Every structure is written in C-alpha cells, then in structure tokens.
Amino acid sequence: MSQQRQVLQQAGTLESNPVRLDAEKAEQVVEALNADLAATYVLYHQLKKHHWNVAGPQYRELHLFLGTAAEDAEENADELAERIQALGGVPVSGPAAIERHSPVPFEGDDVYDVRSSLENDLTAYGDIIETVSSHIELAESLGDHATGELLRQQLLEIENYAHEIDHFLAHDSLTMW
C-alpha cells in the first residue's frame, strides 16, 4: 500500500497570517519565537531528566518541583508553537532542529548530582530570561503586542522558577554534612 504525503508548508517558510502582521515583521517574530520554542524544549527535557534522576534527602520536594516545572515548560512550548502558527510560520520540531535553533545548549545524557543539575537548570532559565526579554522588545517594536504579552506572561513564570531554584541552591541546602 502506498501512502502519498503532501507537504502543506515547508519548515522555515512563512505564509500570510490572519492577525495581519506584515510578512517581514512576522518573519522576524517567528524566528525569535522559534528560538524561544527550541530553548523551552531543551529546558523541558533537561527538567524531565532531573525529575527522573533526583535523589537525596530533598528527593520528594525536588521531584515534585521539577515535574511541575517541566509541565509548565511544556505548556509554554505549546503556546509558543501556536503563536508561531498564527503568525504564518512553522514551529521548529525534531531534535536536530531544536538543537540548531536553541540558544540554550543541551546538557547531555549524563546524570549529575542534584546541586549540579539545579545549577544547570538555573543557567538555562537565565539564558531563556535574557532571550525572552529581548524578544518582548523585538515583538513590540514590530507592532506585535500580542506576542509581547504572551512572552511577558511566560517571562514572569520563568523568573519565578529561577527564583525557586536559587532558593534550593542556598548554602544550607543540598550539601553533604
């Protein structure tokens, strides 16, 4: 049995959009959002890995925290992908494309101690905070206030997770006695 596949839109292309954002402006916003989407997926997978592998005296609290953080990252990724599609773009997908577009590097497959894992998470959140902040300014300077608002809402949540991880990394926490 043969199956024909029809490509509806090629990755990296832009079609007209129902929000009436100029094509050149939409292209810039889609490129920025794809970087945010890729970074969010890298963070999601990193958080899931840490959720699966966390051990130690604060296991339960960290396991639950990392699971919730991963779920929220996945929800953010979905919102970003839907906005990219609304702007006429194609959301980045697939491991190679995600790695290529992400400003956050892949941590790797190895399992690290809890402190190192959380430090890596904090670094990833910090990188995402910087890029999302600049993309809010970009979107709004191009007249895309809805994308600016979406990113602003996500930024607040991202900053809250970074703040919570910073608390976990306090000197009296996660150390061997």
Protein backbone atom coordinates (compact mmCIF):
# COMPACT_ATOMS: atom_id res chain seq x y z
CA MET A 1 0.00 0.00 0.00
CA SER A 2 1.48 3.32 -0.99
CA GLN A 3 0.95 6.42 1.00
CA GLN A 4 1.34 9.82 -0.52
CA ARG A 5 2.34 12.63 1.74
CA GLN A 6 1.55 16.16 0.85
CA VAL A 7 3.62 18.93 2.39
CA LEU A 8 1.27 21.70 3.43
CA GLN A 9 4.01 24.13 4.43
CA GLN A 10 7.75 23.67 4.44
CA ALA A 11 9.72 24.31 7.60
CA GLY A 12 11.31 27.74 7.58
CA THR A 13 8.66 29.28 5.37
CA LEU A 14 6.06 31.89 6.16
CA GLU A 15 2.51 32.17 4.88
CA SER A 16 0.07 35.02 5.26
CA ASN A 17 -1.36 35.35 8.73
CA PRO A 18 -4.85 36.11 9.99
CA VAL A 19 -3.56 38.67 12.53
CA ARG A 20 -2.46 40.90 9.63
CA LEU A 21 1.10 41.37 10.74
CA ASP A 22 3.30 42.46 7.84
CA ALA A 23 5.20 39.49 6.37
CA GLU A 24 8.67 40.93 7.04
CA LYS A 25 7.75 41.70 10.64
CA ALA A 26 6.08 38.32 11.10
CA GLU A 27 9.20 36.60 9.79
CA GLN A 28 11.36 38.30 12.44
CA VAL A 29 8.93 37.43 15.22
CA VAL A 30 8.61 33.82 14.06
CA GLU A 31 12.39 33.45 14.02
CA ALA A 32 12.60 34.80 17.58
CA LEU A 33 9.72 32.62 18.77
CA ASN A 34 11.28 29.53 17.22
CA ALA A 35 14.44 30.22 19.23
CA ASP A 36 12.31 30.54 22.38
CA LEU A 37 10.41 27.38 21.47
CA ALA A 38 13.63 25.43 20.93
CA ALA A 39 15.13 26.71 24.18
CA THR A 40 11.96 25.80 26.05
CA TYR A 41 12.08 22.25 24.67
CA VAL A 42 15.73 21.90 25.70
CA LEU A 43 14.79 23.10 29.18
CA TYR A 44 11.77 20.77 29.28
CA HIS A 45 13.87 17.71 28.51
CA GLN A 46 16.54 18.75 31.00
CA LEU A 47 13.95 19.24 33.74
CA LYS A 48 12.36 15.86 32.98
CA LYS A 49 15.77 14.17 33.16
CA HIS A 50 16.42 15.80 36.53
CA HIS A 51 12.90 14.89 37.70
CA TRP A 52 13.58 11.24 36.85
CA ASN A 53 17.02 11.10 38.42
CA VAL A 54 16.85 13.32 41.51
CA ALA A 55 17.95 11.60 44.72
CA GLY A 56 18.82 12.57 48.24
CA PRO A 57 17.21 13.96 51.38
CA GLN A 58 15.11 16.50 49.49
CA TYR A 59 14.07 13.96 46.86
CA ARG A 60 10.31 14.31 47.19
CA GLU A 61 10.19 18.11 47.19
CA LEU A 62 12.62 18.36 44.26
CA HIS A 63 10.95 15.53 42.33
CA LEU A 64 7.58 17.30 42.55
CA PHE A 65 9.08 20.72 41.82
CA LEU A 66 10.97 19.52 38.74
CA GLY A 67 7.90 17.65 37.46
CA THR A 68 5.76 20.76 37.74
CA ALA A 69 8.47 22.92 36.17
CA ALA A 70 8.70 20.52 33.23
CA GLU A 71 4.91 20.53 32.77
CA ASP A 72 4.88 24.33 32.76
CA ALA A 73 7.74 24.43 30.25
CA GLU A 74 5.79 22.05 28.01
CA GLU A 75 2.71 24.31 28.24
CA ASN A 76 4.85 27.34 27.37
CA ALA A 77 6.25 25.48 24.36
CA ASP A 78 2.73 24.71 23.18
CA GLU A 79 1.71 28.37 23.48
CA LEU A 80 4.80 29.47 21.55
CA ALA A 81 4.17 26.91 18.78
CA GLU A 82 0.56 28.01 18.44
CA ARG A 83 1.59 31.67 18.19
CA ILE A 84 4.19 30.81 15.53
CA GLN A 85 1.48 29.05 13.53
CA ALA A 86 -0.91 32.02 13.97
CA LEU A 87 1.79 34.27 12.52
CA GLY A 88 2.03 32.04 9.43
CA GLY A 89 5.19 30.22 10.45
CA VAL A 90 6.13 26.63 11.10
CA PRO A 91 7.07 25.76 14.69
CA VAL A 92 10.51 24.20 14.99
CA SER A 93 10.30 20.49 15.77
CA GLY A 94 12.55 17.49 15.85
CA PRO A 95 15.71 17.07 17.91
CA ALA A 96 18.17 18.33 15.30
CA ALA A 97 16.15 21.45 14.50
CA ILE A 98 15.58 22.18 18.16
CA GLU A 99 19.29 21.89 18.92
CA ARG A 100 20.12 24.10 15.93
CA HIS A 101 17.69 26.87 16.94
CA SER A 102 18.14 26.81 20.70
CA PRO A 103 20.26 29.44 22.45
CA VAL A 104 20.32 27.02 25.42
CA PRO A 105 22.82 24.19 24.97
CA PHE A 106 21.82 20.58 25.53
CA GLU A 107 23.15 19.39 28.89
CA GLY A 108 23.90 15.89 27.65
CA ASP A 109 22.80 12.42 28.66
CA ASP A 110 24.86 12.05 31.82
CA VAL A 111 23.27 12.19 35.27
CA TYR A 112 24.75 14.76 37.63
CA ASP A 113 24.49 15.36 41.35
CA VAL A 114 21.46 17.36 42.44
CA ARG A 115 23.32 20.62 43.02
CA SER A 116 24.98 20.49 39.58
CA SER A 117 21.66 19.63 37.93
CA LEU A 118 19.90 22.57 39.56
CA GLU A 119 22.79 24.89 38.70
CA ASN A 120 22.42 23.78 35.07
CA ASP A 121 18.67 24.43 35.28
CA LEU A 122 19.28 27.89 36.72
CA THR A 123 21.71 28.66 33.90
CA ALA A 124 19.16 27.51 31.31
CA TYR A 125 16.43 29.61 32.90
CA GLY A 126 18.79 32.61 32.93
CA ASP A 127 19.57 32.17 29.24
CA ILE A 128 15.86 31.95 28.45
CA ILE A 129 15.09 35.02 30.57
CA GLU A 130 17.61 37.03 28.54
CA THR A 131 16.32 35.90 25.14
CA VAL A 132 12.64 36.19 26.01
CA SER A 133 13.21 39.70 27.40
CA SER A 134 14.86 40.79 24.16
CA HIS A 135 12.11 39.13 22.12
CA ILE A 136 9.42 41.05 24.01
CA GLU A 137 11.12 44.27 22.94
CA LEU A 138 11.51 42.99 19.37
CA ALA A 139 7.88 41.91 19.01
CA GLU A 140 6.52 45.13 20.43
CA SER A 141 8.85 47.29 18.33
CA LEU A 142 7.42 45.49 15.28
CA GLY A 143 3.84 46.18 16.39
CA ASP A 144 3.13 42.62 17.58
CA HIS A 145 1.79 43.44 21.02
CA ALA A 146 0.00 40.10 21.43
CA THR A 147 3.28 38.21 21.15
CA GLY A 148 4.83 40.70 23.56
CA GLU A 149 2.04 39.98 26.04
CA LEU A 150 2.38 36.20 25.64
CA LEU A 151 6.13 36.39 26.24
CA ARG A 152 5.67 38.77 29.17
CA GLN A 153 3.32 36.28 30.86
CA GLN A 154 5.77 33.44 30.28
CA LEU A 155 8.69 35.55 31.47
CA LEU A 156 7.09 36.07 34.87
CA GLU A 157 6.67 32.32 35.32
CA ILE A 158 10.21 31.61 34.09
CA GLU A 159 11.65 34.15 36.51
CA ASN A 160 9.66 32.59 39.37
CA TYR A 161 11.15 29.16 38.62
CA ALA A 162 14.65 30.65 38.51
CA HIS A 163 14.00 32.28 41.88
CA GLU A 164 12.78 29.00 43.40
CA ILE A 165 15.84 27.13 42.11
CA ASP A 166 18.04 29.83 43.60
CA HIS A 167 16.41 29.08 46.97
CA PHE A 168 17.11 25.35 46.56
CA LEU A 169 20.74 26.20 45.88
CA ALA A 170 21.13 28.23 49.10
CA HIS A 171 24.27 27.34 51.07
CA ASP A 172 22.43 25.36 53.74
CA SER A 173 20.66 23.22 51.17
CA LEU A 174 21.75 20.23 49.09
CA THR A 175 25.10 19.91 50.80
CA MET A 176 26.63 16.86 52.39
CA TRP A 177 27.08 17.09 56.17
